[in-house]
Amino acid sequence: MAVFTALTRNEIVALLAGYSVGQLLDFAGIPSGIENSNFFVTTSGGRFVLTVFERLDAEHLPFYLGLMKHLAQRGLPAPEPSVTLDGELLSKVRGKPAALVTRLPGHAVMSPTAAQCAQVGNFLANMHQQARDFPLFQPNLRGIGWWKSALPKLEPLIPDDQFQELAEELIFQDSFVRSAAFEQLPAGAVHADLFRDNVLFDGDHIGGVIDFYFAGCTAWLFDLAVTVNDWCVSGASGEFDSPRAHALLRAYHEVRPLEESERLAWRTALRAAALRFWISRLYDLHLPRPATLLKPHDPAWFGRMLRLRIKQRDLPWV
């Protein structure tokens, strides 16, 4: 969502000529996030979000865009990609792949209520269920394979004790992923980044869920852990807010009942979710790319959260 590629009005007009969405009325860069360049685009035919993909290769994009279209057509509040005049979901600008998707109503809620958390749990379970028959497969590209490749690059850039802490948790997670217990976990397509800023509330209901560009296929429990770690915490250390956590988990469980194998792996999944974002935020802080507008997130938050998840005695569950 950060503006790495600052498109001109003429460039956007030329790109929109490849779609049947009307004439450009207005556009503005979106100055948040760290992965893609996003623009709000208003045309005579509607409101859209234009995304220019900075890191992702075109080969990976059919999965993300196809999943969004699949979910939108099933009635879930996901952005629906527009099709070009040639029948494609992707176009190009400045040699980079780009997509135009519907702009959904609502705004992000940074201090959610238990009722709002329940809606998020309901959405996530429905997404997992509705994506069961999505025909494309793509691994989680920010999963453990990426963690193992990113950590050595960070070693000379972070304190030795921090690197050791990360390495020990990575060894623990790698052992779990190779285990029979991991193989037993229900799996399929996941959002993998369902943070508060990626859910738009329109009044008292979810108007849209955005930013599917980390989606992939892995254990659904990991997706749930990422979500609970963000939506259901309070304080500076990542302590759980019990009413919010139980509301989200119960709402999820009502749609897709959680299994005993998932209960046994819950702490490990919460730790994995904290580790994933600790590594990625360290990576974005120490190995940044140029951007017109870029606000890197604080990595230390997820370091504190990981330590807490390791030692916490009671974890919320259904």
C-alpha atoms as a PDB file:
ATOM      1  CA  MET A   1       0.000   0.000   0.000  1.00  0.00           C
ATOM      2  CA  ALA A   2       2.973   2.337   0.228  1.00  0.00           C
ATOM      3  CA  VAL A   3       3.515   4.513  -2.823  1.00  0.00           C
ATOM      4  CA  PHE A   4       6.709   3.160  -4.362  1.00  0.00           C
ATOM      5  CA  THR A   5       5.607   3.916  -7.928  1.00  0.00           C
ATOM      6  CA  ALA A   6       4.181   7.444  -8.098  1.00  0.00           C
ATOM      7  CA  LEU A   7       1.976   7.223 -11.174  1.00  0.00           C
ATOM      8  CA  THR A   8       0.976  10.336 -13.067  1.00  0.00           C
ATOM      9  CA  ARG A   9      -2.576  11.157 -14.090  1.00  0.00           C
ATOM     10  CA  ASN A  10      -1.757  10.414 -17.735  1.00  0.00           C
ATOM     11  CA  GLU A  11      -0.398   6.984 -16.810  1.00  0.00           C
ATOM     12  CA  ILE A  12      -3.562   6.113 -14.909  1.00  0.00           C
ATOM     13  CA  VAL A  13      -5.759   7.365 -17.771  1.00  0.00           C
ATOM     14  CA  ALA A  14      -3.812   5.165 -20.196  1.00  0.00           C
ATOM     15  CA  LEU A  15      -4.135   2.143 -17.918  1.00  0.00           C
ATOM     16  CA  LEU A  16      -7.895   2.637 -17.444  1.00  0.00           C
ATOM     17  CA  ALA A  17      -8.329   2.702 -21.213  1.00  0.00           C
ATOM     18  CA  GLY A  18      -7.774  -1.044 -21.079  1.00  0.00           C
ATOM     19  CA  TYR A  19     -10.877  -1.507 -18.898  1.00  0.00           C
ATOM     20  CA  SER A  20     -14.566  -0.779 -19.289  1.00  0.00           C
ATOM     21  CA  VAL A  21     -14.837   1.336 -16.133  1.00  0.00           C
ATOM     22  CA  GLY A  22     -15.499   4.829 -17.484  1.00  0.00           C
ATOM     23  CA  GLN A  23     -13.446   8.004 -17.432  1.00  0.00           C
ATOM     24  CA  LEU A  24     -11.023   8.981 -14.662  1.00  0.00           C
ATOM     25  CA  LEU A  25     -12.436  11.582 -12.282  1.00  0.00           C
ATOM     26  CA  ASP A  26      -9.947  11.529  -9.419  1.00  0.00           C
ATOM     27  CA  PHE A  27      -7.124   9.508  -7.871  1.00  0.00           C
ATOM     28  CA  ALA A  28      -4.902   9.585  -4.782  1.00  0.00           C
ATOM     29  CA  GLY A  29      -2.007   7.498  -3.490  1.00  0.00           C
ATOM     30  CA  ILE A  30      -2.567   5.487  -0.309  1.00  0.00           C
ATOM     31  CA  PRO A  31       0.305   6.274   2.117  1.00  0.00           C
ATOM     32  CA  SER A  32       0.234   3.175   4.310  1.00  0.00           C
ATOM     33  CA  GLY A  33       1.542  -0.359   4.165  1.00  0.00           C
ATOM     34  CA  ILE A  34       4.830  -1.732   2.945  1.00  0.00           C
ATOM     35  CA  GLU A  35       4.312  -4.091   0.013  1.00  0.00           C
ATOM     36  CA  ASN A  36       2.579  -2.522  -3.004  1.00  0.00           C
ATOM     37  CA  SER A  37       1.691   0.844  -4.500  1.00  0.00           C
ATOM     38  CA  ASN A  38      -2.029   1.491  -4.091  1.00  0.00           C
ATOM     39  CA  PHE A  39      -4.224   4.286  -5.369  1.00  0.00           C
ATOM     40  CA  PHE A  40      -7.835   5.196  -4.806  1.00  0.00           C
ATOM     41  CA  VAL A  41      -9.301   5.706  -8.258  1.00  0.00           C
ATOM     42  CA  THR A  42     -12.724   7.213  -8.963  1.00  0.00           C
ATOM     43  CA  THR A  43     -14.170   6.954 -12.454  1.00  0.00           C
ATOM     44  CA  SER A  44     -17.504   7.682 -14.055  1.00  0.00           C
ATOM     45  CA  GLY A  45     -18.186   3.970 -13.607  1.00  0.00           C
ATOM     46  CA  GLY A  46     -17.430   3.582  -9.915  1.00  0.00           C
ATOM     47  CA  ARG A  47     -14.798   3.564  -7.169  1.00  0.00           C
ATOM     48  CA  PHE A  48     -11.763   1.311  -7.388  1.00  0.00           C
ATOM     49  CA  VAL A  49      -8.377   0.551  -5.894  1.00  0.00           C
ATOM     50  CA  LEU A  50      -5.480   0.352  -8.332  1.00  0.00           C
ATOM     51  CA  THR A  51      -2.568  -1.765  -7.123  1.00  0.00           C
ATOM     52  CA  VAL A  52       0.886  -1.796  -8.688  1.00  0.00           C
ATOM     53  CA  PHE A  53       2.762  -4.861  -7.486  1.00  0.00           C
ATOM     54  CA  GLU A  54       6.291  -4.031  -6.374  1.00  0.00           C
ATOM     55  CA  ARG A  55       7.597  -7.369  -5.076  1.00  0.00           C
ATOM     56  CA  LEU A  56       5.254  -9.989  -6.406  1.00  0.00           C
ATOM     57  CA  ASP A  57       5.877 -11.679  -9.710  1.00  0.00           C
ATOM     58  CA  ALA A  58       3.052 -11.925 -12.224  1.00  0.00           C
ATOM     59  CA  GLU A  59       3.139 -15.719 -11.869  1.00  0.00           C
ATOM     60  CA  HIS A  60       1.819 -15.491  -8.295  1.00  0.00           C
ATOM     61  CA  LEU A  61      -0.913 -12.947  -8.930  1.00  0.00           C
ATOM     62  CA  PRO A  62      -3.533 -15.208 -10.566  1.00  0.00           C
ATOM     63  CA  PHE A  63      -3.881 -17.006  -7.225  1.00  0.00           C
ATOM     64  CA  TYR A  64      -4.514 -13.803  -5.248  1.00  0.00           C
ATOM     65  CA  LEU A  65      -6.839 -12.218  -7.781  1.00  0.00           C
ATOM     66  CA  GLY A  66      -8.615 -15.488  -8.515  1.00  0.00           C
ATOM     67  CA  LEU A  67      -9.226 -16.092  -4.812  1.00  0.00           C
ATOM     68  CA  MET A  68     -10.641 -12.590  -4.371  1.00  0.00           C
ATOM     69  CA  LYS A  69     -12.985 -13.062  -7.321  1.00  0.00           C
ATOM     70  CA  HIS A  70     -13.998 -16.520  -6.067  1.00  0.00           C
ATOM     71  CA  LEU A  71     -14.879 -15.165  -2.614  1.00  0.00           C
ATOM     72  CA  ALA A  72     -16.664 -12.066  -3.954  1.00  0.00           C
ATOM     73  CA  GLN A  73     -18.804 -14.234  -6.214  1.00  0.00           C
ATOM     74  CA  ARG A  74     -19.702 -16.361  -3.173  1.00  0.00           C
ATOM     75  CA  GLY A  75     -21.067 -13.273  -1.461  1.00  0.00           C
ATOM     76  CA  LEU A  76     -18.161 -12.533   0.866  1.00  0.00           C
ATOM     77  CA  PRO A  77     -17.066  -8.879   1.237  1.00  0.00           C
ATOM     78  CA  ALA A  78     -13.848  -9.278  -0.750  1.00  0.00           C
ATOM     79  CA  PRO A  79     -12.711  -6.884  -3.493  1.00  0.00           C
ATOM     80  CA  GLU A  80     -13.660  -8.103  -6.954  1.00  0.00           C
ATOM     81  CA  PRO A  81     -10.969  -7.663  -9.621  1.00  0.00           C
ATOM     82  CA  SER A  82     -12.031  -5.901 -12.795  1.00  0.00           C
ATOM     83  CA  VAL A  83     -11.409  -7.685 -16.082  1.00  0.00           C
ATOM     84  CA  THR A  84      -9.570  -5.922 -18.901  1.00  0.00           C
ATOM     85  CA  LEU A  85     -11.033  -5.570 -22.377  1.00  0.00           C
ATOM     86  CA  ASP A  86      -8.887  -8.599 -23.271  1.00  0.00           C
ATOM     87  CA  GLY A  87     -10.469 -10.675 -20.504  1.00  0.00           C
ATOM     88  CA  GLU A  88      -7.468 -10.569 -18.154  1.00  0.00           C
ATOM     89  CA  LEU A  89      -7.319  -9.826 -14.440  1.00  0.00           C
ATOM     90  CA  LEU A  90      -3.900  -8.173 -14.788  1.00  0.00           C
ATOM     91  CA  SER A  91      -2.562  -5.232 -16.731  1.00  0.00           C
ATOM     92  CA  LYS A  92       0.826  -3.477 -16.748  1.00  0.00           C
ATOM     93  CA  VAL A  93       2.174  -0.042 -15.958  1.00  0.00           C
ATOM     94  CA  ARG A  94       5.853   0.940 -16.058  1.00  0.00           C
ATOM     95  CA  GLY A  95       6.635  -2.687 -16.744  1.00  0.00           C
ATOM     96  CA  LYS A  96       5.034  -3.814 -13.482  1.00  0.00           C
ATOM     97  CA  PRO A  97       1.884  -5.900 -13.071  1.00  0.00           C
ATOM     98  CA  ALA A  98      -1.190  -4.014 -11.907  1.00  0.00           C
ATOM     99  CA  ALA A  99      -4.768  -4.815 -10.958  1.00  0.00           C
ATOM    100  CA  LEU A 100      -7.945  -2.815 -10.573  1.00  0.00           C
ATOM    101  CA  VAL A 101     -10.408  -4.007  -7.915  1.00  0.00           C
ATOM    102  CA  THR A 102     -13.641  -2.663  -6.475  1.00  0.00           C
ATOM    103  CA  ARG A 103     -13.285  -0.247  -3.583  1.00  0.00           C
ATOM    104  CA  LEU A 104     -15.347  -1.545  -0.693  1.00  0.00           C
ATOM    105  CA  PRO A 105     -17.169   0.624   1.869  1.00  0.00           C
ATOM    106  CA  GLY A 106     -16.169   1.218   5.450  1.00  0.00           C
ATOM    107  CA  HIS A 107     -13.134   2.089   7.514  1.00  0.00           C
ATOM    108  CA  ALA A 108     -10.656   0.245   9.690  1.00  0.00           C
ATOM    109  CA  VAL A 109     -11.407   0.037  13.414  1.00  0.00           C
ATOM    110  CA  MET A 110      -8.337   0.174  15.625  1.00  0.00           C
ATOM    111  CA  SER A 111     -10.134  -0.455  18.936  1.00  0.00           C
ATOM    112  CA  PRO A 112     -12.598  -3.222  18.099  1.00  0.00           C
ATOM    113  CA  THR A 113     -15.406  -4.412  20.326  1.00  0.00           C
ATOM    114  CA  ALA A 114     -16.091  -8.049  21.127  1.00  0.00           C
ATOM    115  CA  ALA A 115     -19.041  -7.917  18.698  1.00  0.00           C
ATOM    116  CA  GLN A 116     -16.766  -6.684  15.905  1.00  0.00           C
ATOM    117  CA  CYS A 117     -14.234  -9.401  16.703  1.00  0.00           C
ATOM    118  CA  ALA A 118     -17.024 -11.953  16.430  1.00  0.00           C
ATOM    119  CA  GLN A 119     -17.794 -10.690  12.927  1.00  0.00           C
ATOM    120  CA  VAL A 120     -14.152 -11.089  11.984  1.00  0.00           C
ATOM    121  CA  GLY A 121     -14.151 -14.661  13.283  1.00  0.00           C
ATOM    122  CA  ASN A 122     -17.314 -15.381  11.323  1.00  0.00           C
ATOM    123  CA  PHE A 123     -15.795 -13.945   8.138  1.00  0.00           C
ATOM    124  CA  LEU A 124     -12.571 -15.907   8.507  1.00  0.00           C
ATOM    125  CA  ALA A 125     -14.343 -19.223   9.006  1.00  0.00           C
ATOM    126  CA  ASN A 126     -16.629 -18.542   6.052  1.00  0.00           C
ATOM    127  CA  MET A 127     -13.636 -17.638   3.915  1.00  0.00           C
ATOM    128  CA  HIS A 128     -11.948 -20.928   4.787  1.00  0.00           C
ATOM    129  CA  GLN A 129     -15.122 -22.853   4.035  1.00  0.00           C
ATOM    130  CA  GLN A 130     -15.946 -21.050   0.788  1.00  0.00           C
ATOM    131  CA  ALA A 131     -12.386 -21.447  -0.522  1.00  0.00           C
ATOM    132  CA  ARG A 132     -12.433 -25.236  -0.121  1.00  0.00           C
ATOM    133  CA  ASP A 133     -13.231 -25.674  -3.807  1.00  0.00           C
ATOM    134  CA  PHE A 134     -11.028 -22.847  -5.094  1.00  0.00           C
ATOM    135  CA  PRO A 135      -9.059 -24.718  -7.755  1.00  0.00           C
ATOM    136  CA  LEU A 136      -5.691 -22.935  -7.605  1.00  0.00           C
ATOM    137  CA  PHE A 137      -2.902 -23.796  -5.179  1.00  0.00           C
ATOM    138  CA  GLN A 138      -0.073 -21.616  -3.981  1.00  0.00           C
ATOM    139  CA  PRO A 139       2.051 -22.131  -0.870  1.00  0.00           C
ATOM    140  CA  ASN A 140       2.264 -19.439   1.774  1.00  0.00           C
ATOM    141  CA  LEU A 141       5.111 -17.410   0.268  1.00  0.00           C
ATOM    142  CA  ARG A 142       5.794 -15.764   3.633  1.00  0.00           C
ATOM    143  CA  GLY A 143       5.750 -19.087   5.434  1.00  0.00           C
ATOM    144  CA  ILE A 144       8.578 -20.967   7.060  1.00  0.00           C
ATOM    145  CA  GLY A 145      10.588 -21.229   3.845  1.00  0.00           C
ATOM    146  CA  TRP A 146      10.793 -17.451   3.669  1.00  0.00           C
ATOM    147  CA  TRP A 147      11.586 -17.171   7.392  1.00  0.00           C
ATOM    148  CA  LYS A 148      14.551 -19.521   6.890  1.00  0.00           C
ATOM    149  CA  SER A 149      15.861 -17.484   3.965  1.00  0.00           C
ATOM    150  CA  ALA A 150      15.301 -14.062   5.577  1.00  0.00           C
ATOM    151  CA  LEU A 151      16.883 -14.694   8.974  1.00  0.00           C
ATOM    152  CA  PRO A 152      20.497 -15.168   7.733  1.00  0.00           C
ATOM    153  CA  LYS A 153      20.226 -11.814   5.928  1.00  0.00           C
ATOM    154  CA  LEU A 154      19.268 -10.179   9.211  1.00  0.00           C
ATOM    155  CA  GLU A 155      22.077 -11.753  11.239  1.00  0.00           C
ATOM    156  CA  PRO A 156      24.685  -9.009  10.648  1.00  0.00           C
ATOM    157  CA  LEU A 157      22.083  -6.287  11.181  1.00  0.00           C
ATOM    158  CA  ILE A 158      20.568  -7.211  14.552  1.00  0.00           C
ATOM    159  CA  PRO A 159      22.018  -7.875  18.028  1.00  0.00           C
ATOM    160  CA  ASP A 160      23.425 -11.361  18.617  1.00  0.00           C
ATOM    161  CA  ASP A 161      20.983 -12.164  21.410  1.00  0.00           C
ATOM    162  CA  GLN A 162      18.037 -11.189  19.226  1.00  0.00           C
ATOM    163  CA  PHE A 163      19.289 -13.340  16.363  1.00  0.00           C
ATOM    164  CA  GLN A 164      19.735 -16.274  18.736  1.00  0.00           C
ATOM    165  CA  GLU A 165      16.201 -15.873  20.045  1.00  0.00           C
ATOM    166  CA  LEU A 166      14.788 -15.815  16.521  1.00  0.00           C
ATOM    167  CA  ALA A 167      16.906 -18.799  15.455  1.00  0.00           C
ATOM    168  CA  GLU A 168      15.770 -20.913  18.395  1.00  0.00           C
ATOM    169  CA  GLU A 169      12.108 -20.237  17.677  1.00  0.00           C
ATOM    170  CA  LEU A 170      12.641 -20.938  13.994  1.00  0.00           C
ATOM    171  CA  ILE A 171      14.166 -24.332  14.841  1.00  0.00           C
ATOM    172  CA  PHE A 172      11.154 -25.074  17.052  1.00  0.00           C
ATOM    173  CA  GLN A 173       8.705 -24.116  14.302  1.00  0.00           C
ATOM    174  CA  ASP A 174      10.608 -26.035  11.648  1.00  0.00           C
ATOM    175  CA  SER A 175      10.439 -29.156  13.788  1.00  0.00           C
ATOM    176  CA  PHE A 176       6.675 -28.748  14.157  1.00  0.00           C
ATOM    177  CA  VAL A 177       6.094 -28.206  10.432  1.00  0.00           C
ATOM    178  CA  ARG A 178       7.917 -31.478   9.767  1.00  0.00           C
ATOM    179  CA  SER A 179       5.796 -33.389  12.300  1.00  0.00           C
ATOM    180  CA  ALA A 180       2.764 -35.615  11.904  1.00  0.00           C
ATOM    181  CA  ALA A 181       0.820 -33.211  14.130  1.00  0.00           C
ATOM    182  CA  PHE A 182       1.199 -30.449  11.551  1.00  0.00           C
ATOM    183  CA  GLU A 183       0.105 -32.766   8.748  1.00  0.00           C
ATOM    184  CA  GLN A 184      -3.133 -33.472  10.615  1.00  0.00           C
ATOM    185  CA  LEU A 185      -4.184 -29.823  10.768  1.00  0.00           C
ATOM    186  CA  PRO A 186      -7.030 -28.818   8.422  1.00  0.00           C
ATOM    187  CA  ALA A 187      -5.629 -26.632   5.666  1.00  0.00           C
ATOM    188  CA  GLY A 188      -6.536 -24.656   2.586  1.00  0.00           C
ATOM    189  CA  ALA A 189      -6.466 -21.090   1.314  1.00  0.00           C
ATOM    190  CA  VAL A 190      -5.748 -18.461   3.993  1.00  0.00           C
ATOM    191  CA  HIS A 191      -5.703 -14.670   4.060  1.00  0.00           C
ATOM    192  CA  ALA A 192      -2.533 -14.694   6.231  1.00  0.00           C
ATOM    193  CA  ASP A 193      -2.655 -10.938   6.970  1.00  0.00           C
ATOM    194  CA  LEU A 194      -6.079 -10.305   8.511  1.00  0.00           C
ATOM    195  CA  PHE A 195      -4.993  -7.364  10.636  1.00  0.00           C
ATOM    196  CA  ARG A 196      -7.320  -4.616  11.819  1.00  0.00           C
ATOM    197  CA  ASP A 197      -6.276  -2.299   8.995  1.00  0.00           C
ATOM    198  CA  ASN A 198      -7.379  -4.883   6.434  1.00  0.00           C
ATOM    199  CA  VAL A 199     -11.001  -5.065   7.604  1.00  0.00           C
ATOM    200  CA  LEU A 200     -13.409  -2.222   6.806  1.00  0.00           C
ATOM    201  CA  PHE A 201     -16.454  -1.792   9.021  1.00  0.00           C
ATOM    202  CA  ASP A 202     -19.423  -0.076   7.399  1.00  0.00           C
ATOM    203  CA  GLY A 203     -21.611   0.819  10.340  1.00  0.00           C
ATOM    204  CA  ASP A 204     -22.060  -2.269  12.476  1.00  0.00           C
ATOM    205  CA  HIS A 205     -21.088  -4.813   9.827  1.00  0.00           C
ATOM    206  CA  ILE A 206     -18.042  -5.678   7.718  1.00  0.00           C
ATOM    207  CA  GLY A 207     -18.148  -3.736   4.477  1.00  0.00           C
ATOM    208  CA  GLY A 208     -14.935  -5.173   3.087  1.00  0.00           C
ATOM    209  CA  VAL A 209     -11.858  -7.283   3.704  1.00  0.00           C
ATOM    210  CA  ILE A 210      -8.844  -6.160   1.709  1.00  0.00           C
ATOM    211  CA  ASP A 211      -5.192  -6.938   0.923  1.00  0.00           C
ATOM    212  CA  PHE A 212      -5.221 -10.601  -0.065  1.00  0.00           C
ATOM    213  CA  TYR A 213      -1.679 -10.346  -1.422  1.00  0.00           C
ATOM    214  CA  PHE A 214      -0.165 -12.541   1.287  1.00  0.00           C
ATOM    215  CA  ALA A 215      -2.766 -15.266   0.769  1.00  0.00           C
ATOM    216  CA  GLY A 216      -1.634 -18.835   0.255  1.00  0.00           C
ATOM    217  CA  CYS A 217      -2.380 -22.381   1.281  1.00  0.00           C
ATOM    218  CA  THR A 218      -1.435 -23.606   4.731  1.00  0.00           C
ATOM    219  CA  ALA A 219      -3.037 -24.644   8.014  1.00  0.00           C
ATOM    220  CA  TRP A 220      -6.189 -22.649   8.739  1.00  0.00           C
ATOM    221  CA  LEU A 221      -5.071 -22.505  12.363  1.00  0.00           C
ATOM    222  CA  PHE A 222      -2.153 -20.260  11.385  1.00  0.00           C
ATOM    223  CA  ASP A 223      -4.603 -17.806   9.778  1.00  0.00           C
ATOM    224  CA  LEU A 224      -6.696 -17.822  12.931  1.00  0.00           C
ATOM    225  CA  ALA A 225      -3.589 -17.217  15.072  1.00  0.00           C
ATOM    226  CA  VAL A 226      -2.488 -14.229  12.975  1.00  0.00           C
ATOM    227  CA  THR A 227      -5.961 -12.755  13.343  1.00  0.00           C
ATOM    228  CA  VAL A 228      -6.352 -13.345  17.087  1.00  0.00           C
ATOM    229  CA  ASN A 229      -2.837 -11.987  17.762  1.00  0.00           C
ATOM    230  CA  ASP A 230      -3.886  -8.657  16.254  1.00  0.00           C
ATOM    231  CA  TRP A 231      -7.597  -8.259  16.971  1.00  0.00           C
ATOM    232  CA  CYS A 232      -7.753  -9.620  20.509  1.00  0.00           C
ATOM    233  CA  VAL A 233      -4.855  -8.021  22.397  1.00  0.00           C
ATOM    234  CA  SER A 234      -4.445  -5.071  24.715  1.00  0.00           C
ATOM    235  CA  GLY A 235      -1.509  -3.423  26.430  1.00  0.00           C
ATOM    236  CA  ALA A 236       2.091  -3.049  25.309  1.00  0.00           C
ATOM    237  CA  SER A 237       3.061  -6.718  25.634  1.00  0.00           C
ATOM    238  CA  GLY A 238       0.329  -8.361  23.588  1.00  0.00           C
ATOM    239  CA  GLU A 239      -1.792  -9.690  26.452  1.00  0.00           C
ATOM    240  CA  PHE A 240      -5.093 -11.144  25.301  1.00  0.00           C
ATOM    241  CA  ASP A 241      -8.334  -9.288  25.874  1.00  0.00           C
ATOM    242  CA  SER A 242     -10.412 -12.257  26.983  1.00  0.00           C
ATOM    243  CA  PRO A 243     -13.894 -11.075  25.875  1.00  0.00           C
ATOM    244  CA  ARG A 244     -12.660 -10.188  22.391  1.00  0.00           C
ATOM    245  CA  ALA A 245     -10.616 -13.368  21.985  1.00  0.00           C
ATOM    246  CA  HIS A 246     -13.432 -15.652  23.071  1.00  0.00           C
ATOM    247  CA  ALA A 247     -15.945 -13.799  20.913  1.00  0.00           C
ATOM    248  CA  LEU A 248     -13.778 -14.209  17.807  1.00  0.00           C
ATOM    249  CA  LEU A 249     -12.957 -17.842  18.487  1.00  0.00           C
ATOM    250  CA  ARG A 250     -16.552 -18.819  19.291  1.00  0.00           C
ATOM    251  CA  ALA A 251     -17.845 -17.114  16.142  1.00  0.00           C
ATOM    252  CA  TYR A 252     -15.246 -18.937  14.055  1.00  0.00           C
ATOM    253  CA  HIS A 253     -16.037 -22.248  15.744  1.00  0.00           C
ATOM    254  CA  GLU A 254     -19.772 -21.885  15.031  1.00  0.00           C
ATOM    255  CA  VAL A 255     -19.081 -21.816  11.291  1.00  0.00           C
ATOM    256  CA  ARG A 256     -16.135 -24.233  11.120  1.00  0.00           C
ATOM    257  CA  PRO A 257     -15.826 -26.323  14.281  1.00  0.00           C
ATOM    258  CA  LEU A 258     -12.248 -26.427  15.491  1.00  0.00           C
ATOM    259  CA  GLU A 259     -10.705 -29.861  15.945  1.00  0.00           C
ATOM    260  CA  GLU A 260      -8.772 -31.420  18.807  1.00  0.00           C
ATOM    261  CA  SER A 261      -5.593 -31.406  16.720  1.00  0.00           C
ATOM    262  CA  GLU A 262      -5.969 -27.641  16.395  1.00  0.00           C
ATOM    263  CA  ARG A 263      -6.435 -27.154  20.124  1.00  0.00           C
ATOM    264  CA  LEU A 264      -3.213 -29.054  20.785  1.00  0.00           C
ATOM    265  CA  ALA A 265      -1.312 -26.906  18.272  1.00  0.00           C
ATOM    266  CA  TRP A 266      -2.826 -23.562  19.289  1.00  0.00           C
ATOM    267  CA  ARG A 267       0.130 -22.227  21.284  1.00  0.00           C
ATOM    268  CA  THR A 268       2.542 -23.230  18.524  1.00  0.00           C
ATOM    269  CA  ALA A 269       0.379 -21.478  15.925  1.00  0.00           C
ATOM    270  CA  LEU A 270       0.236 -18.285  17.999  1.00  0.00           C
ATOM    271  CA  ARG A 271       4.016 -18.386  18.348  1.00  0.00           C
ATOM    272  CA  ALA A 272       4.407 -18.957  14.602  1.00  0.00           C
ATOM    273  CA  ALA A 273       2.179 -15.973  13.828  1.00  0.00           C
ATOM    274  CA  ALA A 274       4.248 -13.724  16.119  1.00  0.00           C
ATOM    275  CA  LEU A 275       7.517 -15.011  14.652  1.00  0.00           C
ATOM    276  CA  ARG A 276       6.395 -14.460  11.077  1.00  0.00           C
ATOM    277  CA  PHE A 277       5.680 -10.757  11.638  1.00  0.00           C
ATOM    278  CA  TRP A 278       8.690 -10.185  13.866  1.00  0.00           C
ATOM    279  CA  ILE A 279      10.962 -11.418  11.082  1.00  0.00           C
ATOM    280  CA  SER A 280       9.159  -9.524   8.320  1.00  0.00           C
ATOM    281  CA  ARG A 281       9.114  -6.253  10.234  1.00  0.00           C
ATOM    282  CA  LEU A 282      12.794  -6.569  11.058  1.00  0.00           C
ATOM    283  CA  TYR A 283      13.425  -7.263   7.386  1.00  0.00           C
ATOM    284  CA  ASP A 284      11.475  -4.185   6.269  1.00  0.00           C
ATOM    285  CA  LEU A 285      13.228  -2.026   8.873  1.00  0.00           C
ATOM    286  CA  HIS A 286      16.790  -3.112   8.127  1.00  0.00           C
ATOM    287  CA  LEU A 287      16.513  -3.965   4.422  1.00  0.00           C
ATOM    288  CA  PRO A 288      14.067  -1.335   3.131  1.00  0.00           C
ATOM    289  CA  ARG A 289      13.295  -0.399  -0.421  1.00  0.00           C
ATOM    290  CA  PRO A 290      12.960   3.198  -1.684  1.00  0.00           C
ATOM    291  CA  ALA A 291       9.420   4.539  -1.473  1.00  0.00           C
ATOM    292  CA  THR A 292       7.759   7.890  -1.891  1.00  0.00           C
ATOM    293  CA  LEU A 293       5.753   7.258   1.270  1.00  0.00           C
ATOM    294  CA  LEU A 294       6.829   4.513   3.644  1.00  0.00           C
ATOM    295  CA  LYS A 295       6.101   3.990   7.324  1.00  0.00           C
ATOM    296  CA  PRO A 296       7.824   0.824   8.588  1.00  0.00           C
ATOM    297  CA  HIS A 297       6.115  -0.894  11.496  1.00  0.00           C
ATOM    298  CA  ASP A 298       7.794  -1.457  14.857  1.00  0.00           C
ATOM    299  CA  PRO A 299       9.287  -4.980  14.972  1.00  0.00           C
ATOM    300  CA  ALA A 300       9.688  -5.008  18.772  1.00  0.00           C
ATOM    301  CA  TRP A 301       5.933  -5.458  19.285  1.00  0.00           C
ATOM    302  CA  PHE A 302       6.038  -8.975  17.864  1.00  0.00           C
ATOM    303  CA  GLY A 303       9.212  -9.830  19.748  1.00  0.00           C
ATOM    304  CA  ARG A 304       7.415  -9.059  22.997  1.00  0.00           C
ATOM    305  CA  MET A 305       4.378 -10.983  21.814  1.00  0.00           C
ATOM    306  CA  LEU A 306       6.397 -14.090  20.961  1.00  0.00           C
ATOM    307  CA  ARG A 307       8.006 -14.147  24.397  1.00  0.00           C
ATOM    308  CA  LEU A 308       4.590 -13.811  25.988  1.00  0.00           C
ATOM    309  CA  ARG A 309       3.018 -16.578  23.882  1.00  0.00           C
ATOM    310  CA  ILE A 310       5.816 -18.953  24.899  1.00  0.00           C
ATOM    311  CA  LYS A 311       5.302 -18.454  28.622  1.00  0.00           C
ATOM    312  CA  GLN A 312       1.560 -17.722  28.928  1.00  0.00           C
ATOM    313  CA  ARG A 313      -0.199 -20.288  31.088  1.00  0.00           C
ATOM    314  CA  ASP A 314      -3.782 -19.860  29.844  1.00  0.00           C
ATOM    315  CA  LEU A 315      -4.628 -19.246  26.213  1.00  0.00           C
ATOM    316  CA  PRO A 316      -8.128 -18.376  24.964  1.00  0.00           C
ATOM    317  CA  TRP A 317      -9.957 -21.206  23.217  1.00  0.00           C
ATOM    318  CA  VAL A 318     -13.517 -22.182  22.396  1.00  0.00           C
END
